[in-house]
Each structure stands twice: as structure tokens, then as C-alpha cells.
């Protein structure tokens, strides 16, 4: 699965989230922003910003 951070445009490392599902919260390891998974279709994952982070 692949998630692009809407803030910094880098790939979010999803290795730490093996049971990823809709409405889960993940953090971008590049910019620290908190994201909520909104859709998972095939290999593409989309998310919205929940908290601006660090």
C-alpha cells in the first residue's frame, strides 16, 4: 500500500501499521503531521490531515 503525505508530498512509511484500516490514525515520519485514513482502494491509500504535527 502507498500513502503520499498531503502536506510534504513524501511517501508515508506504513510498515508500522500492519492492520491498516479506514479511520486509523497514522503519522508522517518526514513532517510529523497526523493523518486519518479516509479510503483504501487497491494499493492506493488516501488520508486527511487531523493535526498539523511538530
Protein backbone atom coordinates (compact mmCIF):
# COMPACT_ATOMS: atom_id res chain seq x y z
CA UNK A 1 0.00 0.00 0.00
CA UNK A 2 1.14 3.53 -0.71
CA UNK A 3 0.22 6.79 1.00
CA UNK A 4 1.54 10.18 -0.07
CA UNK A 5 1.51 12.82 2.68
CA UNK A 6 -0.76 15.69 1.61
CA UNK A 7 1.47 18.14 3.48
CA UNK A 8 5.08 17.31 2.50
CA UNK A 9 4.33 15.09 -0.56
CA UNK A 10 6.65 12.30 0.67
CA UNK A 11 5.75 8.63 0.99
CA UNK A 12 4.43 7.74 4.44
CA UNK A 13 6.09 4.61 5.83
CA UNK A 14 3.19 2.24 6.58
CA UNK A 15 5.41 -0.59 7.88
CA UNK A 16 4.45 0.27 11.47
CA UNK A 17 0.74 -0.10 10.63
CA UNK A 18 0.27 -3.78 9.58
CA UNK A 19 -3.52 -3.82 10.16
CA UNK A 20 -4.28 -0.51 8.49
CA UNK A 21 -8.00 0.23 8.04
CA UNK A 22 -10.24 3.19 7.27
CA UNK A 23 -10.37 5.78 10.10
CA UNK A 24 -6.97 4.68 11.51
CA UNK A 25 -4.57 7.44 12.51
CA UNK A 26 -1.03 7.44 11.10
CA UNK A 27 1.87 9.87 11.37
CA UNK A 28 4.12 11.03 8.56
CA UNK A 29 7.67 10.24 9.61
CA UNK A 30 9.02 13.09 7.46
CA UNK A 31 6.98 16.11 8.63
CA UNK A 32 5.24 14.72 11.76
CA UNK A 33 1.73 15.53 10.60
CA UNK A 34 -1.08 13.26 11.86
CA UNK A 35 -3.33 11.76 9.19
CA UNK A 36 -6.60 9.81 9.26
CA UNK A 37 -7.06 7.14 6.60
CA UNK A 38 -10.13 8.05 4.54
CA UNK A 39 -10.04 5.47 1.75
CA UNK A 40 -8.15 2.34 0.79
CA UNK A 41 -8.60 1.23 -2.79
CA UNK A 42 -6.20 -1.36 -4.13
CA UNK A 43 -2.66 -0.22 -3.39
CA UNK A 44 -3.64 3.47 -3.05
CA UNK A 45 -4.41 4.91 0.38
CA UNK A 46 -5.83 8.39 0.89
CA UNK A 47 -5.83 10.38 4.10
CA UNK A 48 -6.86 13.74 5.50
CA UNK A 49 -4.95 15.95 7.90
CA UNK A 50 -6.03 15.59 11.54
CA UNK A 51 -3.28 17.54 13.31
CA UNK A 52 -0.51 19.75 11.95
CA UNK A 53 2.13 17.90 13.96
CA UNK A 54 5.53 19.07 15.19
